């Protein structure tokens, strides 16, 4: 899958100031890849358009959720993240039209 969000965009979104090559970059890149895969799966697409601002915004929102809620704080996770595999309302609001009017 083509990269929609770069590692530097991810760092900027999460307000991280670590230098290029930081040991945390591997974990962060994995979360970027996971966020993109989750959004692609939601849209039932094999590829995502890197120029689509709504898709990029949804990926960044999902990235924030993956970065913040790592599964080690179940009580907070259950109250902040929708259950049953649904995306957040912010993500679905951005992606709703993509489902109605697919490419």
PDB file of N, CA and C in Angstrom:
ATOM      1  N   UNK A   1       0.853  -1.181   0.000  1.00  0.00           N
ATOM      2  CA  UNK A   1       0.000   0.000   0.000  1.00  0.00           C
ATOM      3  C   UNK A   1       0.898   1.243   0.000  1.00  0.00           C
ATOM      4  N   UNK A   2       0.508   2.224  -0.773  1.00  0.00           N
ATOM      5  CA  UNK A   2       1.261   3.482  -0.813  1.00  0.00           C
ATOM      6  C   UNK A   2       1.122   4.219   0.512  1.00  0.00           C
ATOM      7  N   UNK A   3       2.166   4.903   0.884  1.00  0.00           N
ATOM      8  CA  UNK A   3       2.141   5.657   2.136  1.00  0.00           C
ATOM      9  C   UNK A   3       1.341   6.933   1.950  1.00  0.00           C
ATOM     10  N   UNK A   4       0.381   7.137   2.825  1.00  0.00           N
ATOM     11  CA  UNK A   4      -0.432   8.349   2.802  1.00  0.00           C
ATOM     12  C   UNK A   4       0.127   9.345   3.809  1.00  0.00           C
ATOM     13  N   UNK A   5       0.513   8.859   4.964  1.00  0.00           N
ATOM     14  CA  UNK A   5       1.059   9.702   6.029  1.00  0.00           C
ATOM     15  C   UNK A   5       2.531   9.334   6.213  1.00  0.00           C
ATOM     16  N   UNK A   6       3.396  10.326   6.094  1.00  0.00           N
ATOM     17  CA  UNK A   6       4.821  10.082   6.296  1.00  0.00           C
ATOM     18  C   UNK A   6       5.139  10.026   7.787  1.00  0.00           C
ATOM     19  N   UNK A   7       6.294   9.498   8.086  1.00  0.00           N
ATOM     20  CA  UNK A   7       6.731   9.438   9.478  1.00  0.00           C
ATOM     21  C   UNK A   7       6.830  10.841  10.065  1.00  0.00           C
ATOM     22  N   UNK A   8       7.332  11.794   9.283  1.00  0.00           N
ATOM     23  CA  UNK A   8       7.443  13.164   9.792  1.00  0.00           C
ATOM     24  C   UNK A   8       6.067  13.786  10.024  1.00  0.00           C
ATOM     25  N   UNK A   9       5.103  13.517   9.147  1.00  0.00           N
ATOM     26  CA  UNK A   9       3.740  14.011   9.364  1.00  0.00           C
ATOM     27  C   UNK A   9       3.152  13.408  10.633  1.00  0.00           C
ATOM     28  N   UNK A  10       3.442  12.139  10.868  1.00  0.00           N
ATOM     29  CA  UNK A  10       2.962  11.481  12.089  1.00  0.00           C
ATOM     30  C   UNK A  10       3.565  12.150  13.317  1.00  0.00           C
ATOM     31  N   UNK A  11       4.867  12.411  13.286  1.00  0.00           N
ATOM     32  CA  UNK A  11       5.521  13.074  14.410  1.00  0.00           C
ATOM     33  C   UNK A  11       4.939  14.469  14.620  1.00  0.00           C
ATOM     34  N   UNK A  12       4.735  15.197  13.544  1.00  0.00           N
ATOM     35  CA  UNK A  12       4.162  16.537  13.660  1.00  0.00           C
ATOM     36  C   UNK A  12       2.761  16.486  14.274  1.00  0.00           C
ATOM     37  N   UNK A  13       1.948  15.539  13.816  1.00  0.00           N
ATOM     38  CA  UNK A  13       0.583  15.397  14.330  1.00  0.00           C
ATOM     39  C   UNK A  13       0.580  15.068  15.823  1.00  0.00           C
ATOM     40  N   UNK A  14       1.492  14.212  16.239  1.00  0.00           N
ATOM     41  CA  UNK A  14       1.549  13.790  17.639  1.00  0.00           C
ATOM     42  C   UNK A  14       2.403  14.725  18.503  1.00  0.00           C
ATOM     43  N   UNK A  15       2.901  15.792  17.893  1.00  0.00           N
ATOM     44  CA  UNK A  15       3.734  16.789  18.570  1.00  0.00           C
ATOM     45  C   UNK A  15       4.999  16.159  19.150  1.00  0.00           C
ATOM     46  N   UNK A  16       5.583  15.228  18.411  1.00  0.00           N
ATOM     47  CA  UNK A  16       6.819  14.586  18.816  1.00  0.00           C
ATOM     48  C   UNK A  16       7.989  15.340  18.198  1.00  0.00           C
ATOM     49  N   UNK A  17       9.001  15.567  18.972  1.00  0.00           N
ATOM     50  CA  UNK A  17      10.163  16.312  18.482  1.00  0.00           C
ATOM     51  C   UNK A  17      11.413  15.442  18.425  1.00  0.00           C
ATOM     52  N   UNK A  18      11.237  14.149  18.378  1.00  0.00           N
ATOM     53  CA  UNK A  18      12.384  13.247  18.324  1.00  0.00           C
ATOM     54  C   UNK A  18      13.074  13.369  16.966  1.00  0.00           C
ATOM     55  N   UNK A  19      14.387  13.178  16.941  1.00  0.00           N
ATOM     56  CA  UNK A  19      15.116  13.299  15.677  1.00  0.00           C
ATOM     57  C   UNK A  19      14.868  12.106  14.766  1.00  0.00           C
ATOM     58  N   UNK A  20      15.182  12.277  13.492  1.00  0.00           N
ATOM     59  CA  UNK A  20      15.105  11.177  12.535  1.00  0.00           C
ATOM     60  C   UNK A  20      16.028  10.062  13.015  1.00  0.00           C
ATOM     61  N   UNK A  21      15.550   8.842  12.950  1.00  0.00           N
ATOM     62  CA  UNK A  21      16.351   7.708  13.386  1.00  0.00           C
ATOM     63  C   UNK A  21      16.191   7.374  14.863  1.00  0.00           C
ATOM     64  N   UNK A  22      15.296   8.076  15.540  1.00  0.00           N
ATOM     65  CA  UNK A  22      15.039   7.796  16.948  1.00  0.00           C
ATOM     66  C   UNK A  22      14.564   6.341  17.099  1.00  0.00           C
ATOM     67  N   UNK A  23      14.956   5.660  18.177  1.00  0.00           N
ATOM     68  CA  UNK A  23      14.521   4.272  18.368  1.00  0.00           C
ATOM     69  C   UNK A  23      12.994   4.104  18.351  1.00  0.00           C
ATOM     70  N   UNK A  24      12.256   5.125  18.728  1.00  0.00           N
ATOM     71  CA  UNK A  24      10.794   5.042  18.717  1.00  0.00           C
ATOM     72  C   UNK A  24      10.186   5.117  17.327  1.00  0.00           C
ATOM     73  N   UNK A  25      10.998   5.440  16.319  1.00  0.00           N
ATOM     74  CA  UNK A  25      10.483   5.561  14.952  1.00  0.00           C
ATOM     75  C   UNK A  25       9.931   4.247  14.416  1.00  0.00           C
ATOM     76  N   UNK A  26      10.520   3.136  14.811  1.00  0.00           N
ATOM     77  CA  UNK A  26      10.056   1.833  14.325  1.00  0.00           C
ATOM     78  C   UNK A  26       8.630   1.575  14.811  1.00  0.00           C
ATOM     79  N   UNK A  27       8.385   1.809  16.097  1.00  0.00           N
ATOM     80  CA  UNK A  27       7.048   1.631  16.659  1.00  0.00           C
ATOM     81  C   UNK A  27       6.063   2.621  16.035  1.00  0.00           C
ATOM     82  N   UNK A  28       6.494   3.853  15.880  1.00  0.00           N
ATOM     83  CA  UNK A  28       5.610   4.868  15.301  1.00  0.00           C
ATOM     84  C   UNK A  28       5.263   4.520  13.859  1.00  0.00           C
ATOM     85  N   UNK A  29       6.239   4.076  13.067  1.00  0.00           N
ATOM     86  CA  UNK A  29       5.953   3.694  11.685  1.00  0.00           C
ATOM     87  C   UNK A  29       4.983   2.519  11.633  1.00  0.00           C
ATOM     88  N   UNK A  30       5.129   1.590  12.555  1.00  0.00           N
ATOM     89  CA  UNK A  30       4.193   0.458  12.612  1.00  0.00           C
ATOM     90  C   UNK A  30       2.776   0.953  12.874  1.00  0.00           C
ATOM     91  N   UNK A  31       2.635   1.929  13.742  1.00  0.00           N
ATOM     92  CA  UNK A  31       1.308   2.475  14.040  1.00  0.00           C
ATOM     93  C   UNK A  31       0.746   3.261  12.849  1.00  0.00           C
ATOM     94  N   UNK A  32       1.597   3.960  12.119  1.00  0.00           N
ATOM     95  CA  UNK A  32       1.153   4.650  10.896  1.00  0.00           C
ATOM     96  C   UNK A  32       0.635   3.609   9.902  1.00  0.00           C
ATOM     97  N   UNK A  33       1.390   2.538   9.713  1.00  0.00           N
ATOM     98  CA  UNK A  33       0.981   1.476   8.792  1.00  0.00           C
ATOM     99  C   UNK A  33      -0.334   0.840   9.239  1.00  0.00           C
ATOM    100  N   UNK A  34      -0.480   0.619  10.536  1.00  0.00           N
ATOM    101  CA  UNK A  34      -1.714   0.040  11.065  1.00  0.00           C
ATOM    102  C   UNK A  34      -2.895   0.982  10.849  1.00  0.00           C
ATOM    103  N   UNK A  35      -2.698   2.261  11.102  1.00  0.00           N
ATOM    104  CA  UNK A  35      -3.767   3.240  10.914  1.00  0.00           C
ATOM    105  C   UNK A  35      -4.216   3.273   9.457  1.00  0.00           C
ATOM    106  N   UNK A  36      -3.263   3.268   8.545  1.00  0.00           N
ATOM    107  CA  UNK A  36      -3.608   3.262   7.120  1.00  0.00           C
ATOM    108  C   UNK A  36      -4.358   1.996   6.745  1.00  0.00           C
ATOM    109  N   UNK A  37      -3.924   0.858   7.272  1.00  0.00           N
ATOM    110  CA  UNK A  37      -4.597  -0.411   6.972  1.00  0.00           C
ATOM    111  C   UNK A  37      -6.024  -0.426   7.521  1.00  0.00           C
ATOM    112  N   UNK A  38      -6.221   0.131   8.698  1.00  0.00           N
ATOM    113  CA  UNK A  38      -7.557   0.179   9.302  1.00  0.00           C
ATOM    114  C   UNK A  38      -8.496   1.029   8.449  1.00  0.00           C
ATOM    115  N   UNK A  39      -8.012   2.184   8.000  1.00  0.00           N
ATOM    116  CA  UNK A  39      -8.856   3.056   7.170  1.00  0.00           C
ATOM    117  C   UNK A  39      -9.120   2.409   5.812  1.00  0.00           C
ATOM    118  N   UNK A  40      -8.110   1.789   5.212  1.00  0.00           N
ATOM    119  CA  UNK A  40      -8.315   1.104   3.929  1.00  0.00           C
ATOM    120  C   UNK A  40      -9.329  -0.021   4.074  1.00  0.00           C
ATOM    121  N   UNK A  41      -9.233  -0.764   5.175  1.00  0.00           N
ATOM    122  CA  UNK A  41     -10.181  -1.846   5.426  1.00  0.00           C
ATOM    123  C   UNK A  41     -11.600  -1.297   5.589  1.00  0.00           C
ATOM    124  N   UNK A  42     -11.733  -0.204   6.321  1.00  0.00           N
ATOM    125  CA  UNK A  42     -13.048   0.406   6.521  1.00  0.00           C
ATOM    126  C   UNK A  42     -13.667   0.814   5.187  1.00  0.00           C
ATOM    127  N   UNK A  43     -12.837   1.334   4.296  1.00  0.00           N
ATOM    128  CA  UNK A  43     -13.322   1.789   2.989  1.00  0.00           C
ATOM    129  C   UNK A  43     -13.379   0.664   1.953  1.00  0.00           C
ATOM    130  N   UNK A  44     -12.939  -0.527   2.322  1.00  0.00           N
ATOM    131  CA  UNK A  44     -12.900  -1.675   1.411  1.00  0.00           C
ATOM    132  C   UNK A  44     -12.054  -1.352   0.177  1.00  0.00           C
ATOM    133  N   UNK A  45     -10.856  -0.800   0.428  1.00  0.00           N
ATOM    134  CA  UNK A  45      -9.955  -0.441  -0.669  1.00  0.00           C
ATOM    135  C   UNK A  45      -8.586  -1.062  -0.454  1.00  0.00           C
ATOM    136  N   UNK A  46      -7.944  -1.370  -1.569  1.00  0.00           N
ATOM    137  CA  UNK A  46      -6.577  -1.883  -1.511  1.00  0.00           C
ATOM    138  C   UNK A  46      -5.571  -0.739  -1.469  1.00  0.00           C
ATOM    139  N   UNK A  47      -5.938   0.397  -2.022  1.00  0.00           N
ATOM    140  CA  UNK A  47      -5.054   1.561  -2.034  1.00  0.00           C
ATOM    141  C   UNK A  47      -5.832   2.794  -1.581  1.00  0.00           C
ATOM    142  N   UNK A  48      -5.097   3.754  -1.050  1.00  0.00           N
ATOM    143  CA  UNK A  48      -5.690   5.015  -0.612  1.00  0.00           C
ATOM    144  C   UNK A  48      -5.018   6.151  -1.370  1.00  0.00           C
ATOM    145  N   UNK A  49      -5.776   7.190  -1.668  1.00  0.00           N
ATOM    146  CA  UNK A  49      -5.259   8.347  -2.387  1.00  0.00           C
ATOM    147  C   UNK A  49      -4.515   9.263  -1.425  1.00  0.00           C
ATOM    148  N   UNK A  50      -3.198   9.401  -1.586  1.00  0.00           N
ATOM    149  CA  UNK A  50      -2.426  10.254  -0.669  1.00  0.00           C
ATOM    150  C   UNK A  50      -2.811  11.731  -0.751  1.00  0.00           C
ATOM    151  N   UNK A  51      -3.473  12.122  -1.831  1.00  0.00           N
ATOM    152  CA  UNK A  51      -3.864  13.520  -1.989  1.00  0.00           C
ATOM    153  C   UNK A  51      -5.225  13.832  -1.365  1.00  0.00           C
ATOM    154  N   UNK A  52      -5.927  12.812  -0.886  1.00  0.00           N
ATOM    155  CA  UNK A  52      -7.260  13.011  -0.311  1.00  0.00           C
ATOM    156  C   UNK A  52      -7.124  13.455   1.144  1.00  0.00           C
ATOM    157  N   UNK A  53      -7.450  14.703   1.400  1.00  0.00           N
ATOM    158  CA  UNK A  53      -7.305  15.273   2.735  1.00  0.00           C
ATOM    159  C   UNK A  53      -8.161  14.601   3.787  1.00  0.00           C
ATOM    160  N   UNK A  54      -9.358  14.170   3.433  1.00  0.00           N
ATOM    161  CA  UNK A  54     -10.228  13.504   4.407  1.00  0.00           C
ATOM    162  C   UNK A  54      -9.647  12.162   4.834  1.00  0.00           C
ATOM    163  N   UNK A  55      -9.111  11.438   3.882  1.00  0.00           N
ATOM    164  CA  UNK A  55      -8.504  10.148   4.213  1.00  0.00           C
ATOM    165  C   UNK A  55      -7.280  10.361   5.089  1.00  0.00           C
ATOM    166  N   UNK A  56      -6.447  11.340   4.736  1.00  0.00           N
ATOM    167  CA  UNK A  56      -5.253  11.620   5.545  1.00  0.00           C
ATOM    168  C   UNK A  56      -5.658  12.025   6.956  1.00  0.00           C
ATOM    169  N   UNK A  57      -6.682  12.862   7.085  1.00  0.00           N
ATOM    170  CA  UNK A  57      -7.138  13.295   8.406  1.00  0.00           C
ATOM    171  C   UNK A  57      -7.637  12.111   9.226  1.00  0.00           C
ATOM    172  N   UNK A  58      -8.382  11.204   8.602  1.00  0.00           N
ATOM    173  CA  UNK A  58      -8.886  10.021   9.310  1.00  0.00           C
ATOM    174  C   UNK A  58      -7.734   9.130   9.765  1.00  0.00           C
ATOM    175  N   UNK A  59      -6.728   8.986   8.923  1.00  0.00           N
ATOM    176  CA  UNK A  59      -5.555   8.183   9.302  1.00  0.00           C
ATOM    177  C   UNK A  59      -4.856   8.809  10.500  1.00  0.00           C
ATOM    178  N   UNK A  60      -4.714  10.129  10.493  1.00  0.00           N
ATOM    179  CA  UNK A  60      -4.054  10.802  11.613  1.00  0.00           C
ATOM    180  C   UNK A  60      -4.856  10.663  12.906  1.00  0.00           C
ATOM    181  N   UNK A  61      -6.169  10.703  12.812  1.00  0.00           N
ATOM    182  CA  UNK A  61      -7.010  10.499  14.002  1.00  0.00           C
ATOM    183  C   UNK A  61      -6.806   9.080  14.533  1.00  0.00           C
ATOM    184  N   UNK A  62      -6.854   8.095  13.627  1.00  0.00           N
ATOM    185  CA  UNK A  62      -6.661   6.696  14.041  1.00  0.00           C
ATOM    186  C   UNK A  62      -5.263   6.515  14.620  1.00  0.00           C
ATOM    187  N   UNK A  63      -4.264   7.159  14.026  1.00  0.00           N
ATOM    188  CA  UNK A  63      -2.906   7.087  14.551  1.00  0.00           C
ATOM    189  C   UNK A  63      -2.860   7.597  15.984  1.00  0.00           C
ATOM    190  N   UNK A  64      -3.517   8.719  16.250  1.00  0.00           N
ATOM    191  CA  UNK A  64      -3.557   9.266  17.602  1.00  0.00           C
ATOM    192  C   UNK A  64      -4.166   8.289  18.593  1.00  0.00           C
ATOM    193  N   UNK A  65      -5.207   7.594  18.153  1.00  0.00           N
ATOM    194  CA  UNK A  65      -5.856   6.604  19.016  1.00  0.00           C
ATOM    195  C   UNK A  65      -4.906   5.430  19.263  1.00  0.00           C
ATOM    196  N   UNK A  66      -4.264   4.935  18.220  1.00  0.00           N
ATOM    197  CA  UNK A  66      -3.332   3.823  18.377  1.00  0.00           C
ATOM    198  C   UNK A  66      -2.139   4.211  19.238  1.00  0.00           C
ATOM    199  N   UNK A  67      -1.680   5.437  19.096  1.00  0.00           N
ATOM    200  CA  UNK A  67      -0.513   5.902  19.846  1.00  0.00           C
ATOM    201  C   UNK A  67      -0.846   6.093  21.328  1.00  0.00           C
ATOM    202  N   UNK A  68      -2.024   6.666  21.580  1.00  0.00           N
ATOM    203  CA  UNK A  68      -2.399   6.980  22.966  1.00  0.00           C
ATOM    204  C   UNK A  68      -2.906   5.768  23.729  1.00  0.00           C
ATOM    205  N   UNK A  69      -3.745   4.976  23.084  1.00  0.00           N
ATOM    206  CA  UNK A  69      -4.358   3.832  23.751  1.00  0.00           C
ATOM    207  C   UNK A  69      -3.682   2.552  23.264  1.00  0.00           C
ATOM    208  N   UNK A  70      -2.675   2.135  23.982  1.00  0.00           N
ATOM    209  CA  UNK A  70      -1.861   0.992  23.567  1.00  0.00           C
ATOM    210  C   UNK A  70      -2.387  -0.321  24.127  1.00  0.00           C
ATOM    211  N   UNK A  71      -3.542  -0.290  24.783  1.00  0.00           N
ATOM    212  CA  UNK A  71      -4.121  -1.503  25.320  1.00  0.00           C
ATOM    213  C   UNK A  71      -3.710  -1.812  26.749  1.00  0.00           C
ATOM    214  N   UNK A  72      -2.921  -0.926  27.355  1.00  0.00           N
ATOM    215  CA  UNK A  72      -2.469  -1.195  28.714  1.00  0.00           C
ATOM    216  C   UNK A  72      -3.313  -0.482  29.773  1.00  0.00           C
ATOM    217  N   UNK A  73      -4.300   0.280  29.347  1.00  0.00           N
ATOM    218  CA  UNK A  73      -5.199   0.965  30.270  1.00  0.00           C
ATOM    219  C   UNK A  73      -6.629   0.678  29.818  1.00  0.00           C
ATOM    220  N   UNK A  74      -7.108  -0.498  30.159  1.00  0.00           N
ATOM    221  CA  UNK A  74      -8.388  -0.981  29.647  1.00  0.00           C
ATOM    222  C   UNK A  74      -9.543  -0.058  30.000  1.00  0.00           C
ATOM    223  N   UNK A  75      -9.586   0.466  31.216  1.00  0.00           N
ATOM    224  CA  UNK A  75     -10.703   1.325  31.609  1.00  0.00           C
ATOM    225  C   UNK A  75     -10.783   2.568  30.741  1.00  0.00           C
ATOM    226  N   UNK A  76      -9.672   3.224  30.519  1.00  0.00           N
ATOM    227  CA  UNK A  76      -9.661   4.414  29.676  1.00  0.00           C
ATOM    228  C   UNK A  76      -9.966   4.042  28.238  1.00  0.00           C
ATOM    229  N   UNK A  77      -9.391   2.952  27.766  1.00  0.00           N
ATOM    230  CA  UNK A  77      -9.613   2.518  26.397  1.00  0.00           C
ATOM    231  C   UNK A  77     -11.090   2.285  26.121  1.00  0.00           C
ATOM    232  N   UNK A  78     -11.764   1.614  27.030  1.00  0.00           N
ATOM    233  CA  UNK A  78     -13.170   1.287  26.812  1.00  0.00           C
ATOM    234  C   UNK A  78     -14.061   2.519  26.852  1.00  0.00           C
ATOM    235  N   UNK A  79     -13.679   3.551  27.576  1.00  0.00           N
ATOM    236  CA  UNK A  79     -14.528   4.727  27.657  1.00  0.00           C
ATOM    237  C   UNK A  79     -14.246   5.727  26.546  1.00  0.00           C
ATOM    238  N   UNK A  80     -13.088   5.651  25.917  1.00  0.00           N
ATOM    239  CA  UNK A  80     -12.715   6.643  24.910  1.00  0.00           C
ATOM    240  C   UNK A  80     -12.790   6.141  23.472  1.00  0.00           C
ATOM    241  N   UNK A  81     -12.650   4.858  23.262  1.00  0.00           N
ATOM    242  CA  UNK A  81     -12.610   4.299  21.923  1.00  0.00           C
ATOM    243  C   UNK A  81     -13.867   3.476  21.693  1.00  0.00           C
ATOM    244  N   UNK A  82     -14.568   3.693  20.563  1.00  0.00           N
ATOM    245  CA  UNK A  82     -15.790   2.930  20.302  1.00  0.00           C
ATOM    246  C   UNK A  82     -15.526   1.431  20.323  1.00  0.00           C
ATOM    247  N   UNK A  83     -16.488   0.697  20.814  1.00  0.00           N
ATOM    248  CA  UNK A  83     -16.376  -0.757  20.929  1.00  0.00           C
ATOM    249  C   UNK A  83     -16.822  -1.435  19.635  1.00  0.00           C
ATOM    250  N   UNK A  84     -16.706  -2.727  19.617  1.00  0.00           N
ATOM    251  CA  UNK A  84     -17.205  -3.571  18.532  1.00  0.00           C
ATOM    252  C   UNK A  84     -16.573  -3.281  17.183  1.00  0.00           C
ATOM    253  N   UNK A  85     -15.347  -2.767  17.171  1.00  0.00           N
ATOM    254  CA  UNK A  85     -14.642  -2.584  15.917  1.00  0.00           C
ATOM    255  C   UNK A  85     -15.028  -1.350  15.118  1.00  0.00           C
ATOM    256  N   UNK A  86     -15.834  -0.482  15.683  1.00  0.00           N
ATOM    257  CA  UNK A  86     -16.234   0.712  14.958  1.00  0.00           C
ATOM    258  C   UNK A  86     -15.162   1.786  15.068  1.00  0.00           C
ATOM    259  N   UNK A  87     -15.096   2.626  14.055  1.00  0.00           N
ATOM    260  CA  UNK A  87     -14.205   3.778  14.108  1.00  0.00           C
ATOM    261  C   UNK A  87     -14.875   4.880  14.910  1.00  0.00           C
ATOM    262  N   UNK A  88     -14.099   5.872  15.305  1.00  0.00           N
ATOM    263  CA  UNK A  88     -14.665   7.000  16.046  1.00  0.00           C
ATOM    264  C   UNK A  88     -15.585   7.818  15.151  1.00  0.00           C
ATOM    265  N   UNK A  89     -16.441   8.617  15.760  1.00  0.00           N
ATOM    266  CA  UNK A  89     -17.354   9.453  14.971  1.00  0.00           C
ATOM    267  C   UNK A  89     -16.582  10.462  14.133  1.00  0.00           C
ATOM    268  N   UNK A  90     -15.432  10.924  14.604  1.00  0.00           N
ATOM    269  CA  UNK A  90     -14.626  11.853  13.812  1.00  0.00           C
ATOM    270  C   UNK A  90     -14.135  11.174  12.535  1.00  0.00           C
ATOM    271  N   UNK A  91     -13.693   9.936  12.654  1.00  0.00           N
ATOM    272  CA  UNK A  91     -13.215   9.202  11.480  1.00  0.00           C
ATOM    273  C   UNK A  91     -14.357   8.913  10.512  1.00  0.00           C
ATOM    274  N   UNK A  92     -15.474   8.417  11.030  1.00  0.00           N
ATOM    275  CA  UNK A  92     -16.576   8.071  10.133  1.00  0.00           C
ATOM    276  C   UNK A  92     -17.167   9.306   9.470  1.00  0.00           C
ATOM    277  N   UNK A  93     -17.140  10.442  10.146  1.00  0.00           N
ATOM    278  CA  UNK A  93     -17.618  11.680   9.530  1.00  0.00           C
ATOM    279  C   UNK A  93     -16.757  12.056   8.323  1.00  0.00           C
ATOM    280  N   UNK A  94     -15.461  11.875   8.451  1.00  0.00           N
ATOM    281  CA  UNK A  94     -14.553  12.180   7.343  1.00  0.00           C
ATOM    282  C   UNK A  94     -14.694  11.191   6.191  1.00  0.00           C
ATOM    283  N   UNK A  95     -15.003   9.947   6.508  1.00  0.00           N
ATOM    284  CA  UNK A  95     -14.993   8.887   5.499  1.00  0.00           C
ATOM    285  C   UNK A  95     -16.364   8.532   4.942  1.00  0.00           C
ATOM    286  N   UNK A  96     -17.423   9.039   5.526  1.00  0.00           N
ATOM    287  CA  UNK A  96     -18.784   8.658   5.144  1.00  0.00           C
ATOM    288  C   UNK A  96     -19.043   8.807   3.653  1.00  0.00           C
ATOM    289  N   UNK A  97     -18.694   9.944   3.090  1.00  0.00           N
ATOM    290  CA  UNK A  97     -18.934  10.173   1.659  1.00  0.00           C
ATOM    291  C   UNK A  97     -18.116   9.231   0.790  1.00  0.00           C
ATOM    292  N   UNK A  98     -16.954   8.805   1.266  1.00  0.00           N
ATOM    293  CA  UNK A  98     -16.125   7.877   0.477  1.00  0.00           C
ATOM    294  C   UNK A  98     -16.842   6.542   0.311  1.00  0.00           C
ATOM    295  N   UNK A  99     -17.639   6.155   1.308  1.00  0.00           N
ATOM    296  CA  UNK A  99     -18.400   4.917   1.199  1.00  0.00           C
ATOM    297  C   UNK A  99     -19.591   5.077   0.262  1.00  0.00           C
ATOM    298  N   UNK A 100     -20.188   6.262   0.248  1.00  0.00           N
ATOM    299  CA  UNK A 100     -21.340   6.510  -0.628  1.00  0.00           C
ATOM    300  C   UNK A 100     -20.922   6.673  -2.074  1.00  0.00           C
ATOM    301  N   UNK A 101     -19.767   7.294  -2.277  1.00  0.00           N
ATOM    302  CA  UNK A 101     -19.301   7.612  -3.614  1.00  0.00           C
ATOM    303  C   UNK A 101     -17.893   7.075  -3.812  1.00  0.00           C
ATOM    304  N   UNK A 102     -17.736   5.751  -3.872  1.00  0.00           N
ATOM    305  CA  UNK A 102     -16.384   5.195  -4.005  1.00  0.00           C
ATOM    306  C   UNK A 102     -15.760   5.548  -5.348  1.00  0.00           C
ATOM    307  N   UNK A 103     -14.421   5.499  -5.367  1.00  0.00           N
ATOM    308  CA  UNK A 103     -13.706   5.783  -6.616  1.00  0.00           C
ATOM    309  C   UNK A 103     -13.971   4.715  -7.641  1.00  0.00           C
TER     310      UNK A 103
END
